[in-house]
């Protein structure tokens, strides 16, 4: 069966910031990239992304998360064993890496990124989006640059 088309992810703000957690709304595109959508939902449902830190934020380029080394999970639950084949997200679909799209950072990975700008140059490298992020989600992603950690 086709995966659900809309997913809401809660993005928790740092403890020192003010305000409630924010919602990042993602619309999956299963007709374009069904394996990638299913793999993403499987990662969510397994709890893989729970507590994962955003580890790459580059203004005008990407916000990336999903790296969880085996020492966090304990024995046997590292990214290589959790990741599923998402071959249809690599070199297979026609969606370009434009602002507001979500893509996996490889063909067998748990890492995903939101494109914050026009990154169509990534298309030739095989990174193909499988979802879009709502405008409010892009505002949230853009606001990560304003946070001054302490």
C-alpha atoms as a PDB file:
ATOM      1  CA  UNK A   1       0.000   0.000   0.000  1.00  0.00           C
ATOM      2  CA  UNK A   2       1.075   3.578  -0.609  1.00  0.00           C
ATOM      3  CA  UNK A   3       2.499   5.483   2.346  1.00  0.00           C
ATOM      4  CA  UNK A   4       0.605   8.348   3.953  1.00  0.00           C
ATOM      5  CA  UNK A   5       1.117  11.613   2.164  1.00  0.00           C
ATOM      6  CA  UNK A   6       1.507  13.987   5.119  1.00  0.00           C
ATOM      7  CA  UNK A   7       3.750  13.708   8.167  1.00  0.00           C
ATOM      8  CA  UNK A   8       4.133  16.143  11.046  1.00  0.00           C
ATOM      9  CA  UNK A   9       7.440  16.171  12.899  1.00  0.00           C
ATOM     10  CA  UNK A  10       7.861  17.914  16.232  1.00  0.00           C
ATOM     11  CA  UNK A  11      11.041  19.933  16.351  1.00  0.00           C
ATOM     12  CA  UNK A  12      12.040  20.662  19.918  1.00  0.00           C
ATOM     13  CA  UNK A  13      13.703  23.966  20.522  1.00  0.00           C
ATOM     14  CA  UNK A  14      16.778  24.201  22.751  1.00  0.00           C
ATOM     15  CA  UNK A  15      16.095  24.420  26.482  1.00  0.00           C
ATOM     16  CA  UNK A  16      17.413  27.971  26.660  1.00  0.00           C
ATOM     17  CA  UNK A  17      15.075  29.279  23.988  1.00  0.00           C
ATOM     18  CA  UNK A  18      11.570  30.497  24.599  1.00  0.00           C
ATOM     19  CA  UNK A  19       8.328  29.103  23.274  1.00  0.00           C
ATOM     20  CA  UNK A  20       6.849  25.688  22.627  1.00  0.00           C
ATOM     21  CA  UNK A  21       8.150  23.008  20.292  1.00  0.00           C
ATOM     22  CA  UNK A  22       7.445  23.776  16.653  1.00  0.00           C
ATOM     23  CA  UNK A  23       5.829  21.542  14.046  1.00  0.00           C
ATOM     24  CA  UNK A  24       7.589  20.744  10.776  1.00  0.00           C
ATOM     25  CA  UNK A  25       4.968  19.593   8.280  1.00  0.00           C
ATOM     26  CA  UNK A  26       6.261  17.356   5.503  1.00  0.00           C
ATOM     27  CA  UNK A  27       4.232  16.241   2.495  1.00  0.00           C
ATOM     28  CA  UNK A  28       5.511  12.949   1.100  1.00  0.00           C
ATOM     29  CA  UNK A  29       5.434  12.273  -2.630  1.00  0.00           C
ATOM     30  CA  UNK A  30       4.891   8.495  -2.852  1.00  0.00           C
ATOM     31  CA  UNK A  31       3.952   8.556  -6.536  1.00  0.00           C
ATOM     32  CA  UNK A  32       7.372  10.034  -7.322  1.00  0.00           C
ATOM     33  CA  UNK A  33       9.515   8.090  -4.836  1.00  0.00           C
ATOM     34  CA  UNK A  34       7.590   5.306  -3.046  1.00  0.00           C
ATOM     35  CA  UNK A  35      10.599   3.456  -1.569  1.00  0.00           C
ATOM     36  CA  UNK A  36      12.086   6.618  -0.113  1.00  0.00           C
ATOM     37  CA  UNK A  37       8.725   7.618   1.393  1.00  0.00           C
ATOM     38  CA  UNK A  38       8.264   4.176   2.931  1.00  0.00           C
ATOM     39  CA  UNK A  39      11.829   4.171   4.288  1.00  0.00           C
ATOM     40  CA  UNK A  40      11.316   7.621   5.837  1.00  0.00           C
ATOM     41  CA  UNK A  41       8.066   6.557   7.498  1.00  0.00           C
ATOM     42  CA  UNK A  42       9.707   3.356   8.760  1.00  0.00           C
ATOM     43  CA  UNK A  43      12.447   5.428  10.389  1.00  0.00           C
ATOM     44  CA  UNK A  44       9.857   7.669  12.039  1.00  0.00           C
ATOM     45  CA  UNK A  45       7.709   4.759  13.230  1.00  0.00           C
ATOM     46  CA  UNK A  46      10.732   2.898  14.632  1.00  0.00           C
ATOM     47  CA  UNK A  47      11.644   5.933  16.735  1.00  0.00           C
ATOM     48  CA  UNK A  48      14.944   6.309  14.928  1.00  0.00           C
ATOM     49  CA  UNK A  49      14.658  10.101  14.694  1.00  0.00           C
ATOM     50  CA  UNK A  50      13.562  10.560  18.331  1.00  0.00           C
ATOM     51  CA  UNK A  51      16.125  12.754  20.020  1.00  0.00           C
ATOM     52  CA  UNK A  52      18.291  13.068  16.905  1.00  0.00           C
ATOM     53  CA  UNK A  53      20.149  16.350  16.655  1.00  0.00           C
ATOM     54  CA  UNK A  54      20.261  18.524  13.583  1.00  0.00           C
ATOM     55  CA  UNK A  55      23.960  18.402  12.833  1.00  0.00           C
ATOM     56  CA  UNK A  56      24.318  20.492   9.687  1.00  0.00           C
ATOM     57  CA  UNK A  57      22.778  23.916   9.149  1.00  0.00           C
ATOM     58  CA  UNK A  58      24.213  25.889   6.245  1.00  0.00           C
ATOM     59  CA  UNK A  59      22.461  29.137   5.371  1.00  0.00           C
ATOM     60  CA  UNK A  60      20.933  29.040   1.898  1.00  0.00           C
ATOM     61  CA  UNK A  61      21.948  25.391   1.454  1.00  0.00           C
ATOM     62  CA  UNK A  62      20.590  22.681   3.787  1.00  0.00           C
ATOM     63  CA  UNK A  63      19.424  21.637   7.232  1.00  0.00           C
ATOM     64  CA  UNK A  64      20.450  17.999   7.765  1.00  0.00           C
ATOM     65  CA  UNK A  65      19.700  15.395  10.436  1.00  0.00           C
ATOM     66  CA  UNK A  66      19.486  11.660  10.924  1.00  0.00           C
ATOM     67  CA  UNK A  67      22.987  10.594  11.925  1.00  0.00           C
ATOM     68  CA  UNK A  68      22.792   8.369  14.992  1.00  0.00           C
ATOM     69  CA  UNK A  69      26.032   6.531  15.715  1.00  0.00           C
ATOM     70  CA  UNK A  70      25.853   2.997  17.086  1.00  0.00           C
ATOM     71  CA  UNK A  71      27.052   4.144  20.513  1.00  0.00           C
ATOM     72  CA  UNK A  72      23.772   6.054  20.912  1.00  0.00           C
ATOM     73  CA  UNK A  73      21.622   3.008  20.134  1.00  0.00           C
ATOM     74  CA  UNK A  74      23.865   0.376  21.638  1.00  0.00           C
ATOM     75  CA  UNK A  75      25.001  -2.770  19.899  1.00  0.00           C
ATOM     76  CA  UNK A  76      23.469  -3.635  16.560  1.00  0.00           C
ATOM     77  CA  UNK A  77      21.318  -0.602  15.873  1.00  0.00           C
ATOM     78  CA  UNK A  78      23.447   1.643  13.739  1.00  0.00           C
ATOM     79  CA  UNK A  79      22.509   3.528  10.613  1.00  0.00           C
ATOM     80  CA  UNK A  80      23.714   0.821   8.241  1.00  0.00           C
ATOM     81  CA  UNK A  81      21.449  -1.771   9.837  1.00  0.00           C
ATOM     82  CA  UNK A  82      18.490   0.584  10.142  1.00  0.00           C
ATOM     83  CA  UNK A  83      18.650   2.096   6.665  1.00  0.00           C
ATOM     84  CA  UNK A  84      16.659   0.548   3.848  1.00  0.00           C
ATOM     85  CA  UNK A  85      17.219   0.715   0.144  1.00  0.00           C
ATOM     86  CA  UNK A  86      15.843   3.927  -1.236  1.00  0.00           C
ATOM     87  CA  UNK A  87      17.124   3.439  -4.751  1.00  0.00           C
ATOM     88  CA  UNK A  88      14.159   5.241  -6.279  1.00  0.00           C
ATOM     89  CA  UNK A  89      15.310   8.410  -4.511  1.00  0.00           C
ATOM     90  CA  UNK A  90      18.665   8.282  -6.273  1.00  0.00           C
ATOM     91  CA  UNK A  91      18.858   8.933 -10.020  1.00  0.00           C
ATOM     92  CA  UNK A  92      15.267   7.800 -10.531  1.00  0.00           C
ATOM     93  CA  UNK A  93      12.805  10.627 -10.108  1.00  0.00           C
ATOM     94  CA  UNK A  94      12.476  13.965 -11.844  1.00  0.00           C
ATOM     95  CA  UNK A  95      11.990  16.191  -8.793  1.00  0.00           C
ATOM     96  CA  UNK A  96      14.787  18.730  -8.373  1.00  0.00           C
ATOM     97  CA  UNK A  97      16.472  19.909  -5.172  1.00  0.00           C
ATOM     98  CA  UNK A  98      14.751  23.270  -4.970  1.00  0.00           C
ATOM     99  CA  UNK A  99      13.923  25.267  -1.848  1.00  0.00           C
ATOM    100  CA  UNK A 100      11.526  23.392   0.377  1.00  0.00           C
ATOM    101  CA  UNK A 101      12.219  19.852  -0.802  1.00  0.00           C
ATOM    102  CA  UNK A 102      13.398  16.995   1.436  1.00  0.00           C
ATOM    103  CA  UNK A 103      15.879  14.366   0.250  1.00  0.00           C
ATOM    104  CA  UNK A 104      17.928  11.490   1.615  1.00  0.00           C
ATOM    105  CA  UNK A 105      21.672  12.098   1.746  1.00  0.00           C
ATOM    106  CA  UNK A 106      22.438   8.851  -0.111  1.00  0.00           C
ATOM    107  CA  UNK A 107      20.865   5.624  -1.357  1.00  0.00           C
ATOM    108  CA  UNK A 108      21.158   3.639   1.873  1.00  0.00           C
ATOM    109  CA  UNK A 109      21.136   6.088   4.714  1.00  0.00           C
ATOM    110  CA  UNK A 110      19.142   7.518   7.565  1.00  0.00           C
ATOM    111  CA  UNK A 111      20.232  11.094   6.940  1.00  0.00           C
ATOM    112  CA  UNK A 112      17.846  13.556   5.339  1.00  0.00           C
ATOM    113  CA  UNK A 113      18.111  17.213   4.443  1.00  0.00           C
ATOM    114  CA  UNK A 114      15.814  20.132   3.698  1.00  0.00           C
ATOM    115  CA  UNK A 115      16.927  22.277   0.790  1.00  0.00           C
ATOM    116  CA  UNK A 116      17.011  25.907   1.928  1.00  0.00           C
ATOM    117  CA  UNK A 117      17.855  27.219  -1.526  1.00  0.00           C
ATOM    118  CA  UNK A 118      18.012  26.134  -5.131  1.00  0.00           C
ATOM    119  CA  UNK A 119      20.392  23.182  -4.954  1.00  0.00           C
ATOM    120  CA  UNK A 120      19.626  21.691  -8.353  1.00  0.00           C
ATOM    121  CA  UNK A 121      23.359  20.962  -8.721  1.00  0.00           C
ATOM    122  CA  UNK A 122      22.739  18.071  -6.293  1.00  0.00           C
ATOM    123  CA  UNK A 123      20.488  16.408  -8.877  1.00  0.00           C
ATOM    124  CA  UNK A 124      23.497  15.318 -10.927  1.00  0.00           C
ATOM    125  CA  UNK A 125      25.016  13.777  -7.787  1.00  0.00           C
ATOM    126  CA  UNK A 126      21.960  11.558  -7.355  1.00  0.00           C
ATOM    127  CA  UNK A 127      20.259  13.260  -4.432  1.00  0.00           C
ATOM    128  CA  UNK A 128      16.567  13.270  -5.328  1.00  0.00           C
ATOM    129  CA  UNK A 129      13.792  14.718  -3.159  1.00  0.00           C
ATOM    130  CA  UNK A 130      10.904  12.572  -1.990  1.00  0.00           C
ATOM    131  CA  UNK A 131       8.900  15.197  -0.083  1.00  0.00           C
ATOM    132  CA  UNK A 132       8.218  18.880   0.365  1.00  0.00           C
ATOM    133  CA  UNK A 133       8.265  20.977   3.521  1.00  0.00           C
ATOM    134  CA  UNK A 134       5.493  23.428   4.356  1.00  0.00           C
ATOM    135  CA  UNK A 135       6.166  27.160   4.237  1.00  0.00           C
ATOM    136  CA  UNK A 136       5.927  27.332   8.045  1.00  0.00           C
ATOM    137  CA  UNK A 137       8.496  24.516   8.165  1.00  0.00           C
ATOM    138  CA  UNK A 138      10.834  26.575   5.995  1.00  0.00           C
ATOM    139  CA  UNK A 139      10.373  29.533   8.334  1.00  0.00           C
ATOM    140  CA  UNK A 140      11.347  27.203  11.189  1.00  0.00           C
ATOM    141  CA  UNK A 141      14.393  25.901   9.278  1.00  0.00           C
ATOM    142  CA  UNK A 142      15.472  29.436   8.366  1.00  0.00           C
ATOM    143  CA  UNK A 143      15.075  30.544  11.996  1.00  0.00           C
ATOM    144  CA  UNK A 144      17.707  28.034  13.118  1.00  0.00           C
ATOM    145  CA  UNK A 145      20.316  30.565  12.037  1.00  0.00           C
ATOM    146  CA  UNK A 146      18.950  33.101  14.502  1.00  0.00           C
ATOM    147  CA  UNK A 147      19.471  30.850  17.556  1.00  0.00           C
ATOM    148  CA  UNK A 148      22.418  31.852  19.682  1.00  0.00           C
ATOM    149  CA  UNK A 149      23.357  28.799  21.754  1.00  0.00           C
ATOM    150  CA  UNK A 150      24.742  29.208  25.232  1.00  0.00           C
END
